[in-house]
């Protein structure tokens, strides 16, 4: 299947697609859209791998989201032995989404920050051990994440690599990730607010990727609908506009970047 667009971060394995997943996948095939379906815990990592196994143009990440459980529930911890059984699948292309998330009051306590740090460091070590890039999720925690990555980079060098998904920091923060060898990706948010246009403009063309984070943050002109990978086209159009490139040029750059950064098996 020809690749026209690469949505490097979606959740097509989530329940939001249970009623019409086949139709969503058909639209992707018709549009030439490939995606990476992202694991957020062991259960969803399993389903991401199962989807990747059964579908051309779909790949998987496996990992543990830093936000943990819903309030009042016991947070899952990263079980290396369990995830080791999934990581050997040839279509597992990254570890995550992992990182640090201080976006909720219950995930910003000192105790929970310690839990998140431990799980994040475990997943970094796991990713390096299996030669996989990281799919990073960071919310209100760039300083702590950068401290951890900088420390680990001294130990692992170029073996430690990956992408900052749904980048929402300043150019100063972006520069630090780029210096550590991490790429950045942007969602449909750039189609309806200008807050991150400077960050898109600043990113080197070879360190930039497109994503939807579907079913969330649906781009214009589909606001109000559930997001899906085919809408990544709108993200690419806006990136092309910001970068002063034709849509066709931007498509090729972003597809090539995804294939290279995630070592996509073709």
Protein backbone atom coordinates (compact mmCIF):
# COMPACT_ATOMS: atom_id res chain seq x y z
CA UNK A 1 0.00 0.00 0.00
CA UNK A 2 1.35 3.41 -0.95
CA UNK A 3 2.00 5.71 2.02
CA UNK A 4 0.58 9.21 1.55
CA UNK A 5 0.45 10.19 5.23
CA UNK A 6 1.91 8.81 8.46
CA UNK A 7 0.02 9.43 11.69
CA UNK A 8 2.70 8.47 14.21
CA UNK A 9 0.43 8.47 17.27
CA UNK A 10 -3.16 7.26 17.44
CA UNK A 11 -5.30 5.02 19.62
CA UNK A 12 -7.40 3.12 17.08
CA UNK A 13 -7.44 0.23 19.55
CA UNK A 14 -9.46 2.30 22.06
CA UNK A 15 -13.16 1.58 22.76
CA UNK A 16 -14.19 4.73 20.89
CA UNK A 17 -13.70 2.72 17.67
CA UNK A 18 -15.35 -0.54 18.70
CA UNK A 19 -18.55 0.20 16.76
CA UNK A 20 -16.94 1.09 13.41
CA UNK A 21 -13.25 0.16 13.51
CA UNK A 22 -13.46 -1.68 10.17
CA UNK A 23 -14.79 1.46 8.46
CA UNK A 24 -12.03 3.59 10.04
CA UNK A 25 -9.39 1.18 8.74
CA UNK A 26 -11.00 1.15 5.29
CA UNK A 27 -10.84 4.95 5.10
CA UNK A 28 -7.16 4.77 6.06
CA UNK A 29 -6.42 2.29 3.27
CA UNK A 30 -8.31 4.38 0.71
CA UNK A 31 -6.35 7.51 1.74
CA UNK A 32 -2.97 5.77 2.07
CA UNK A 33 -2.66 6.61 5.77
CA UNK A 34 -0.38 4.54 8.00
CA UNK A 35 -0.39 4.85 11.77
CA UNK A 36 1.32 3.80 14.97
CA UNK A 37 -1.24 2.57 17.49
CA UNK A 38 -0.02 3.49 20.94
CA UNK A 39 -0.17 1.40 24.09
CA UNK A 40 -1.02 3.12 27.37
CA UNK A 41 -1.00 0.09 29.68
CA UNK A 42 -0.47 -3.65 29.27
CA UNK A 43 -4.01 -4.35 28.04
CA UNK A 44 -3.92 -1.63 25.39
CA UNK A 45 -0.37 -2.55 24.44
CA UNK A 46 -1.60 -6.08 23.75
CA UNK A 47 -4.47 -4.80 21.62
CA UNK A 48 -2.13 -2.44 19.74
CA UNK A 49 0.14 -5.36 18.86
CA UNK A 50 -2.86 -7.46 17.80
CA UNK A 51 -4.07 -4.66 15.51
CA UNK A 52 -0.62 -4.22 14.01
CA UNK A 53 -0.31 -7.95 13.45
CA UNK A 54 -3.56 -8.13 11.50
CA UNK A 55 -3.35 -4.92 9.44
CA UNK A 56 -0.96 -3.59 6.83
CA UNK A 57 0.17 -0.04 7.54
CA UNK A 58 -0.44 -0.27 11.29
CA UNK A 59 2.37 -0.54 13.84
CA UNK A 60 2.41 -0.58 17.63
CA UNK A 61 4.06 0.88 20.68
CA UNK A 62 3.97 -0.87 24.03
CA UNK A 63 4.28 0.86 27.37
CA UNK A 64 2.74 2.47 30.39
CA UNK A 65 1.22 5.95 30.35
CA UNK A 66 2.55 8.07 33.23
CA UNK A 67 -0.84 9.31 34.45
CA UNK A 68 -1.60 5.85 35.81
CA UNK A 69 -5.05 4.82 36.96
CA UNK A 70 -8.16 6.90 37.38
CA UNK A 71 -8.52 8.60 40.79
CA UNK A 72 -9.18 6.03 43.49
CA UNK A 73 -7.81 3.10 41.46
CA UNK A 74 -4.49 1.34 41.98
CA UNK A 75 -1.92 2.40 39.39
CA UNK A 76 -0.39 -0.28 37.17
CA UNK A 77 3.38 -0.63 37.27
CA UNK A 78 5.62 -1.50 34.32
CA UNK A 79 6.02 -5.28 34.31
CA UNK A 80 9.20 -5.92 32.33
CA UNK A 81 8.58 -9.66 31.99
CA UNK A 82 5.09 -9.18 30.58
CA UNK A 83 6.14 -6.45 28.15
CA UNK A 84 9.17 -8.52 27.07
CA UNK A 85 6.74 -10.99 25.50
CA UNK A 86 5.26 -8.21 23.36
CA UNK A 87 8.43 -6.32 22.37
CA UNK A 88 9.70 -9.16 20.16
CA UNK A 89 6.86 -8.67 17.67
CA UNK A 90 8.37 -7.22 14.47
CA UNK A 91 5.76 -4.46 14.26
CA UNK A 92 6.47 -3.07 17.74
CA UNK A 93 8.36 0.09 16.84
CA UNK A 94 8.66 2.03 20.13
CA UNK A 95 8.24 1.96 23.90
CA UNK A 96 5.57 4.16 25.40
CA UNK A 97 3.72 6.32 25.61
CA UNK A 98 5.78 6.92 28.69
CA UNK A 99 7.16 9.94 30.48
CA UNK A 100 5.82 12.23 33.21
CA UNK A 101 2.37 13.77 33.61
CA UNK A 102 1.63 16.36 36.30
CA UNK A 103 -1.63 17.45 34.69
CA UNK A 104 -3.97 16.23 37.43
CA UNK A 105 -3.81 17.07 41.12
CA UNK A 106 -3.65 13.36 42.00
CA UNK A 107 -0.68 12.83 39.66
CA UNK A 108 1.31 15.79 40.94
CA UNK A 109 1.80 14.59 44.51
CA UNK A 110 5.32 13.85 45.72
CA UNK A 111 4.43 10.16 46.08
CA UNK A 112 3.04 9.88 42.57
CA UNK A 113 5.99 11.75 41.04
CA UNK A 114 8.26 9.12 42.56
CA UNK A 115 6.11 6.35 41.02
CA UNK A 116 6.14 8.04 37.62
CA UNK A 117 9.91 8.57 37.72
CA UNK A 118 10.55 4.92 38.55
CA UNK A 119 8.29 3.65 35.76
CA UNK A 120 9.77 6.12 33.28
CA UNK A 121 13.36 5.14 34.07
CA UNK A 122 12.44 1.46 33.83
CA UNK A 123 10.94 2.02 30.38
CA UNK A 124 13.99 3.99 29.23
CA UNK A 125 16.24 1.09 30.23
CA UNK A 126 13.84 -1.37 28.59
CA UNK A 127 13.80 0.63 25.34
CA UNK A 128 17.59 0.75 25.16
CA UNK A 129 17.85 -2.96 25.97
CA UNK A 130 15.57 -3.81 23.04
CA UNK A 131 16.92 -1.07 20.74
CA UNK A 132 13.62 0.80 20.47
CA UNK A 133 12.94 4.55 20.46
CA UNK A 134 10.71 6.10 23.10
CA UNK A 135 7.26 7.59 22.50
CA UNK A 136 7.19 10.34 25.13
CA UNK A 137 4.14 11.78 26.87
CA UNK A 138 4.93 14.90 28.88
CA UNK A 139 2.48 17.26 30.55
CA UNK A 140 3.61 20.06 32.87
CA UNK A 141 6.79 18.06 33.55
CA UNK A 142 9.40 19.08 30.97
CA UNK A 143 12.01 20.08 33.55
CA UNK A 144 11.93 16.72 35.33
CA UNK A 145 11.81 14.73 32.08
CA UNK A 146 14.77 16.63 30.63
CA UNK A 147 16.76 16.03 33.83
CA UNK A 148 16.13 12.28 33.57
CA UNK A 149 16.87 12.10 29.84
CA UNK A 150 20.05 14.15 30.20
CA UNK A 151 21.29 11.83 32.95
CA UNK A 152 20.39 8.70 30.96
CA UNK A 153 21.94 10.12 27.79
CA UNK A 154 25.33 10.18 29.50
CA UNK A 155 24.95 6.44 30.11
CA UNK A 156 23.39 5.36 26.82
CA UNK A 157 24.44 7.93 24.22
CA UNK A 158 22.77 7.51 20.83
CA UNK A 159 21.03 4.34 21.95
CA UNK A 160 18.63 6.60 23.85
CA UNK A 161 16.34 8.24 21.30
CA UNK A 162 12.71 8.85 20.46
CA UNK A 163 9.95 11.37 19.89
CA UNK A 164 8.14 13.92 22.04
CA UNK A 165 4.52 13.28 21.20
CA UNK A 166 2.00 16.17 21.15
CA UNK A 167 4.74 18.71 21.77
CA UNK A 168 3.39 21.68 23.72
CA UNK A 169 6.45 23.36 25.19
CA UNK A 170 8.41 26.51 24.40
CA UNK A 171 11.11 26.81 21.78
CA UNK A 172 13.68 26.79 24.60
CA UNK A 173 12.34 23.44 25.80
CA UNK A 174 12.09 22.13 22.24
CA UNK A 175 15.74 23.00 21.65
CA UNK A 176 16.78 20.86 24.64
CA UNK A 177 14.91 17.82 23.33
CA UNK A 178 16.40 18.27 19.88
CA UNK A 179 19.89 18.52 21.37
CA UNK A 180 19.26 15.16 23.08
CA UNK A 181 18.36 13.66 19.69
CA UNK A 182 14.59 13.57 20.18
CA UNK A 183 12.19 14.54 17.41
CA UNK A 184 8.90 16.38 18.01
CA UNK A 185 5.42 15.76 16.66
CA UNK A 186 2.31 17.92 16.52
CA UNK A 187 -1.42 17.23 16.48
CA UNK A 188 -4.53 18.86 15.07
CA UNK A 189 -4.28 21.52 17.77
CA UNK A 190 -2.08 23.49 15.34
CA UNK A 191 -5.10 23.85 13.02
CA UNK A 192 -7.17 25.82 15.54
CA UNK A 193 -4.67 27.64 17.77
CA UNK A 194 -1.42 29.40 16.89
CA UNK A 195 0.34 28.68 20.20
CA UNK A 196 2.66 26.05 18.70
CA UNK A 197 3.26 27.49 15.25
CA UNK A 198 6.64 28.88 16.34
CA UNK A 199 7.65 25.44 17.63
CA UNK A 200 6.68 23.87 14.29
CA UNK A 201 8.63 26.55 12.44
CA UNK A 202 11.67 26.04 14.68
CA UNK A 203 11.85 22.24 14.34
CA UNK A 204 14.37 21.00 11.74
CA UNK A 205 12.59 19.33 8.84
CA UNK A 206 14.25 16.00 9.58
CA UNK A 207 13.12 16.01 13.25
CA UNK A 208 9.43 16.74 12.72
CA UNK A 209 6.46 14.37 12.53
CA UNK A 210 2.68 14.47 12.19
CA UNK A 211 0.10 12.81 14.44
CA UNK A 212 -3.57 12.89 15.40
CA UNK A 213 -3.65 11.45 18.95
CA UNK A 214 -7.01 10.11 17.75
CA UNK A 215 -9.68 9.92 19.10
CA UNK A 216 -8.68 13.22 20.73
CA UNK A 217 -7.99 16.81 19.51
CA UNK A 218 -9.81 16.63 16.19
CA UNK A 219 -8.48 19.20 13.68
CA UNK A 220 -10.41 21.81 11.78
CA UNK A 221 -12.63 21.31 9.74
CA UNK A 222 -13.78 18.25 11.71
CA UNK A 223 -14.00 19.83 15.18
CA UNK A 224 -16.77 18.27 17.23
CA UNK A 225 -16.34 14.85 15.66
CA UNK A 226 -14.31 11.94 16.94
CA UNK A 227 -10.78 12.14 15.55
CA UNK A 228 -9.31 9.40 13.36
CA UNK A 229 -6.01 8.87 11.49
CA UNK A 230 -7.21 10.07 8.08
CA UNK A 231 -7.56 13.56 9.57
CA UNK A 232 -3.77 13.73 9.85
CA UNK A 233 -3.96 15.26 6.37
CA UNK A 234 -5.13 18.51 7.98
CA UNK A 235 -2.13 18.52 10.32
CA UNK A 236 0.20 18.02 7.35
CA UNK A 237 -1.47 20.86 5.42
CA UNK A 238 -0.98 23.25 8.34
CA UNK A 239 2.65 22.15 8.79
CA UNK A 240 3.27 22.76 5.09
CA UNK A 241 1.81 26.25 5.41
CA UNK A 242 3.95 27.05 8.47
CA UNK A 243 7.10 25.64 6.87
CA UNK A 244 6.54 27.28 3.48
CA UNK A 245 6.43 23.94 1.67
CA UNK A 246 3.96 22.40 -0.72
CA UNK A 247 1.66 19.80 0.81
CA UNK A 248 3.27 17.16 -1.42
CA UNK A 249 6.77 18.07 -0.20
CA UNK A 250 5.62 18.01 3.42
CA UNK A 251 3.91 14.65 2.98
CA UNK A 252 7.11 13.03 1.74
CA UNK A 253 9.29 14.61 4.43
CA UNK A 254 6.98 13.49 7.23
CA UNK A 255 6.55 9.95 5.89
CA UNK A 256 10.30 9.57 5.42
CA UNK A 257 10.93 10.85 8.96
CA UNK A 258 8.47 8.38 10.50
CA UNK A 259 10.00 5.46 8.64
CA UNK A 260 13.52 6.46 9.68
CA UNK A 261 12.90 7.46 13.30
CA UNK A 262 10.76 4.45 14.13
CA UNK A 263 12.69 2.06 11.84
CA UNK A 264 9.43 1.02 10.18
CA UNK A 265 9.74 -2.38 8.47
CA UNK A 266 8.63 -2.02 4.86
